[in-house]
Amino acid sequence: MKAFSIIGAVAGAIFRVVAAVAVVYVIYRGVGICYNYGYRIFTEPAVAIGEGRTVTVSVTEEMNPMEIGELFESRGLIRDAKLFVLQYYLSEYVKDVGPGTFELSTAMTVEEMMQAMVVEKEEEPEEEAE
């Protein structure tokens, strides 16, 4: 009976140590991934250096940022569609980017692409007070 309690105590201690190591490892990996994304949001370079190649893309009114990011990734304009979504929502162009057909280059950063996609909004005429 005493041997079973000793074995149970040792097994329980080993399990707790392994669980603690696993939790620390998961937290470490998660922090590394978060730091990488956070750093890349503001420092991601263009896909190509120099001239790059020009790509024509059409963005529709119904497309959400993730679909735009997937389109850009499939055309070779960006490396990561999920990163594009974060960059989009944190950019100053979030309210100004609109639908249309755009000529973008692989030598452009995401911020430059969004700047090229800014659509001038038409001002609605104000009704005059009588």
C-alpha atoms as a PDB file:
ATOM      1  CA  MET A   1       0.000   0.000   0.000  1.00  0.00           C
ATOM      2  CA  LYS A   2       2.829   2.367   0.868  1.00  0.00           C
ATOM      3  CA  ALA A   3       4.566   1.603  -2.470  1.00  0.00           C
ATOM      4  CA  PHE A   4       1.431   2.559  -4.441  1.00  0.00           C
ATOM      5  CA  SER A   5       1.172   5.910  -2.653  1.00  0.00           C
ATOM      6  CA  ILE A   6       4.857   6.663  -3.322  1.00  0.00           C
ATOM      7  CA  ILE A   7       4.500   5.733  -6.994  1.00  0.00           C
ATOM      8  CA  GLY A   8       1.336   7.854  -7.235  1.00  0.00           C
ATOM      9  CA  ALA A   9       3.068  10.843  -5.638  1.00  0.00           C
ATOM     10  CA  VAL A  10       6.086  10.558  -7.980  1.00  0.00           C
ATOM     11  CA  ALA A  11       3.842  10.152 -11.043  1.00  0.00           C
ATOM     12  CA  GLY A  12       1.766  13.161  -9.960  1.00  0.00           C
ATOM     13  CA  ALA A  13       4.892  15.292  -9.495  1.00  0.00           C
ATOM     14  CA  ILE A  14       6.233  14.263 -12.923  1.00  0.00           C
ATOM     15  CA  PHE A  15       2.872  15.061 -14.522  1.00  0.00           C
ATOM     16  CA  ARG A  16       2.797  18.525 -12.903  1.00  0.00           C
ATOM     17  CA  VAL A  17       6.341  19.298 -14.069  1.00  0.00           C
ATOM     18  CA  VAL A  18       5.577  18.176 -17.635  1.00  0.00           C
ATOM     19  CA  ALA A  19       2.348  20.200 -17.649  1.00  0.00           C
ATOM     20  CA  ALA A  20       4.183  23.297 -16.368  1.00  0.00           C
ATOM     21  CA  VAL A  21       6.873  22.929 -19.039  1.00  0.00           C
ATOM     22  CA  ALA A  22       4.188  22.526 -21.742  1.00  0.00           C
ATOM     23  CA  VAL A  23       2.347  25.652 -20.562  1.00  0.00           C
ATOM     24  CA  VAL A  24       5.572  27.690 -20.505  1.00  0.00           C
ATOM     25  CA  TYR A  25       6.448  26.461 -24.017  1.00  0.00           C
ATOM     26  CA  VAL A  26       2.998  27.345 -25.417  1.00  0.00           C
ATOM     27  CA  ILE A  27       3.166  30.812 -23.853  1.00  0.00           C
ATOM     28  CA  TYR A  28       6.706  31.320 -25.195  1.00  0.00           C
ATOM     29  CA  ARG A  29       5.677  30.341 -28.736  1.00  0.00           C
ATOM     30  CA  GLY A  30       2.558  32.511 -28.557  1.00  0.00           C
ATOM     31  CA  VAL A  31       4.533  35.548 -27.429  1.00  0.00           C
ATOM     32  CA  GLY A  32       7.029  34.967 -30.247  1.00  0.00           C
ATOM     33  CA  ILE A  33       4.274  34.814 -32.861  1.00  0.00           C
ATOM     34  CA  CYS A  34       2.563  37.919 -31.478  1.00  0.00           C
ATOM     35  CA  TYR A  35       5.835  39.860 -31.405  1.00  0.00           C
ATOM     36  CA  ASN A  36       6.629  38.811 -34.977  1.00  0.00           C
ATOM     37  CA  TYR A  37       3.239  39.986 -36.257  1.00  0.00           C
ATOM     38  CA  GLY A  38       3.386  43.183 -34.207  1.00  0.00           C
ATOM     39  CA  TYR A  39       6.819  44.013 -35.571  1.00  0.00           C
ATOM     40  CA  ARG A  40       5.875  43.176 -39.163  1.00  0.00           C
ATOM     41  CA  ILE A  41       2.746  45.360 -39.076  1.00  0.00           C
ATOM     42  CA  PHE A  42       4.898  48.478 -39.233  1.00  0.00           C
ATOM     43  CA  THR A  43       8.108  47.215 -40.868  1.00  0.00           C
ATOM     44  CA  GLU A  44       7.043  44.735 -43.575  1.00  0.00           C
ATOM     45  CA  PRO A  45       9.090  45.495 -46.705  1.00  0.00           C
ATOM     46  CA  ALA A  46       7.812  45.261 -50.256  1.00  0.00           C
ATOM     47  CA  VAL A  47       7.812  41.831 -51.917  1.00  0.00           C
ATOM     48  CA  ALA A  48      10.261  42.931 -54.627  1.00  0.00           C
ATOM     49  CA  ILE A  49      13.258  45.225 -54.515  1.00  0.00           C
ATOM     50  CA  GLY A  50      13.781  47.709 -57.322  1.00  0.00           C
ATOM     51  CA  GLU A  51      11.290  47.995 -60.167  1.00  0.00           C
ATOM     52  CA  GLY A  52       9.057  45.051 -59.317  1.00  0.00           C
ATOM     53  CA  ARG A  53       6.227  44.040 -61.608  1.00  0.00           C
ATOM     54  CA  THR A  54       2.931  45.810 -62.108  1.00  0.00           C
ATOM     55  CA  VAL A  55      -0.259  43.929 -61.300  1.00  0.00           C
ATOM     56  CA  THR A  56      -3.797  45.075 -62.082  1.00  0.00           C
ATOM     57  CA  VAL A  57      -6.325  44.211 -59.384  1.00  0.00           C
ATOM     58  CA  SER A  58     -10.042  44.893 -59.149  1.00  0.00           C
ATOM     59  CA  VAL A  59     -11.555  45.450 -55.727  1.00  0.00           C
ATOM     60  CA  THR A  60     -15.329  45.355 -55.446  1.00  0.00           C
ATOM     61  CA  GLU A  61     -17.618  46.982 -52.891  1.00  0.00           C
ATOM     62  CA  GLU A  62     -18.550  43.565 -51.451  1.00  0.00           C
ATOM     63  CA  MET A  63     -14.949  42.494 -50.699  1.00  0.00           C
ATOM     64  CA  ASN A  64     -13.851  42.563 -47.081  1.00  0.00           C
ATOM     65  CA  PRO A  65     -10.207  43.196 -46.063  1.00  0.00           C
ATOM     66  CA  MET A  66      -9.441  39.460 -45.753  1.00  0.00           C
ATOM     67  CA  GLU A  67     -10.662  38.812 -49.311  1.00  0.00           C
ATOM     68  CA  ILE A  68      -8.581  41.750 -50.563  1.00  0.00           C
ATOM     69  CA  GLY A  69      -5.563  40.368 -48.706  1.00  0.00           C
ATOM     70  CA  GLU A  70      -6.091  36.902 -50.205  1.00  0.00           C
ATOM     71  CA  LEU A  71      -6.384  38.464 -53.679  1.00  0.00           C
ATOM     72  CA  PHE A  72      -3.157  40.418 -53.169  1.00  0.00           C
ATOM     73  CA  GLU A  73      -1.377  37.337 -51.807  1.00  0.00           C
ATOM     74  CA  SER A  74      -2.494  35.216 -54.767  1.00  0.00           C
ATOM     75  CA  ARG A  75      -1.202  37.885 -57.163  1.00  0.00           C
ATOM     76  CA  GLY A  76       2.176  38.084 -55.371  1.00  0.00           C
ATOM     77  CA  LEU A  77       1.720  41.625 -54.052  1.00  0.00           C
ATOM     78  CA  ILE A  78       2.011  40.658 -50.374  1.00  0.00           C
ATOM     79  CA  ARG A  79       3.357  37.721 -48.356  1.00  0.00           C
ATOM     80  CA  ASP A  80       0.607  37.265 -45.743  1.00  0.00           C
ATOM     81  CA  ALA A  81      -3.122  38.023 -46.106  1.00  0.00           C
ATOM     82  CA  LYS A  82      -3.716  37.971 -42.334  1.00  0.00           C
ATOM     83  CA  LEU A  83      -0.955  40.514 -41.809  1.00  0.00           C
ATOM     84  CA  PHE A  84      -2.554  42.674 -44.516  1.00  0.00           C
ATOM     85  CA  VAL A  85      -5.825  42.721 -42.563  1.00  0.00           C
ATOM     86  CA  LEU A  86      -4.037  43.958 -39.439  1.00  0.00           C
ATOM     87  CA  GLN A  87      -2.149  46.584 -41.451  1.00  0.00           C
ATOM     88  CA  TYR A  88      -5.410  47.676 -43.081  1.00  0.00           C
ATOM     89  CA  TYR A  89      -7.265  48.217 -39.812  1.00  0.00           C
ATOM     90  CA  LEU A  90      -4.299  50.029 -38.235  1.00  0.00           C
ATOM     91  CA  SER A  91      -3.641  52.314 -41.214  1.00  0.00           C
ATOM     92  CA  GLU A  92      -4.753  55.885 -41.667  1.00  0.00           C
ATOM     93  CA  TYR A  93      -6.434  54.870 -44.950  1.00  0.00           C
ATOM     94  CA  VAL A  94      -8.990  52.492 -43.400  1.00  0.00           C
ATOM     95  CA  LYS A  95     -11.946  54.791 -44.226  1.00  0.00           C
ATOM     96  CA  ASP A  96     -10.594  56.059 -47.557  1.00  0.00           C
ATOM     97  CA  VAL A  97      -9.834  52.811 -49.417  1.00  0.00           C
ATOM     98  CA  GLY A  98     -12.593  52.018 -51.855  1.00  0.00           C
ATOM     99  CA  PRO A  99     -13.554  49.791 -54.755  1.00  0.00           C
ATOM    100  CA  GLY A 100     -12.034  50.100 -58.199  1.00  0.00           C
ATOM    101  CA  THR A 101      -9.368  48.790 -60.538  1.00  0.00           C
ATOM    102  CA  PHE A 102      -5.844  49.617 -59.451  1.00  0.00           C
ATOM    103  CA  GLU A 103      -2.347  49.283 -60.888  1.00  0.00           C
ATOM    104  CA  LEU A 104      -0.147  48.080 -58.024  1.00  0.00           C
ATOM    105  CA  SER A 105       3.477  46.999 -57.993  1.00  0.00           C
ATOM    106  CA  THR A 106       5.317  44.273 -56.122  1.00  0.00           C
ATOM    107  CA  ALA A 107       7.829  46.994 -55.186  1.00  0.00           C
ATOM    108  CA  MET A 108       5.151  48.833 -53.160  1.00  0.00           C
ATOM    109  CA  THR A 109       4.686  48.431 -49.426  1.00  0.00           C
ATOM    110  CA  VAL A 110       1.179  47.742 -48.101  1.00  0.00           C
ATOM    111  CA  GLU A 111       0.865  51.372 -47.010  1.00  0.00           C
ATOM    112  CA  GLU A 112       1.757  52.560 -50.520  1.00  0.00           C
ATOM    113  CA  MET A 113      -0.813  50.141 -51.988  1.00  0.00           C
ATOM    114  CA  MET A 114      -3.522  51.467 -49.693  1.00  0.00           C
ATOM    115  CA  GLN A 115      -2.545  55.023 -50.552  1.00  0.00           C
ATOM    116  CA  ALA A 116      -2.929  54.133 -54.251  1.00  0.00           C
ATOM    117  CA  MET A 117      -6.367  52.644 -53.509  1.00  0.00           C
ATOM    118  CA  VAL A 118      -7.781  55.792 -51.899  1.00  0.00           C
ATOM    119  CA  VAL A 119     -10.999  56.729 -53.651  1.00  0.00           C
ATOM    120  CA  GLU A 120     -12.191  60.312 -53.545  1.00  0.00           C
ATOM    121  CA  LYS A 121     -15.697  60.393 -52.155  1.00  0.00           C
ATOM    122  CA  GLU A 122     -18.217  62.577 -53.924  1.00  0.00           C
ATOM    123  CA  GLU A 123     -19.651  65.273 -51.749  1.00  0.00           C
ATOM    124  CA  GLU A 124     -23.414  65.239 -51.544  1.00  0.00           C
ATOM    125  CA  PRO A 125     -24.996  68.626 -52.218  1.00  0.00           C
ATOM    126  CA  GLU A 126     -26.369  70.220 -49.081  1.00  0.00           C
ATOM    127  CA  GLU A 127     -30.021  71.113 -49.053  1.00  0.00           C
ATOM    128  CA  GLU A 128     -30.637  74.795 -48.588  1.00  0.00           C
ATOM    129  CA  ALA A 129     -32.778  75.886 -45.675  1.00  0.00           C
ATOM    130  CA  GLU A 130     -35.818  77.894 -46.724  1.00  0.00           C
END
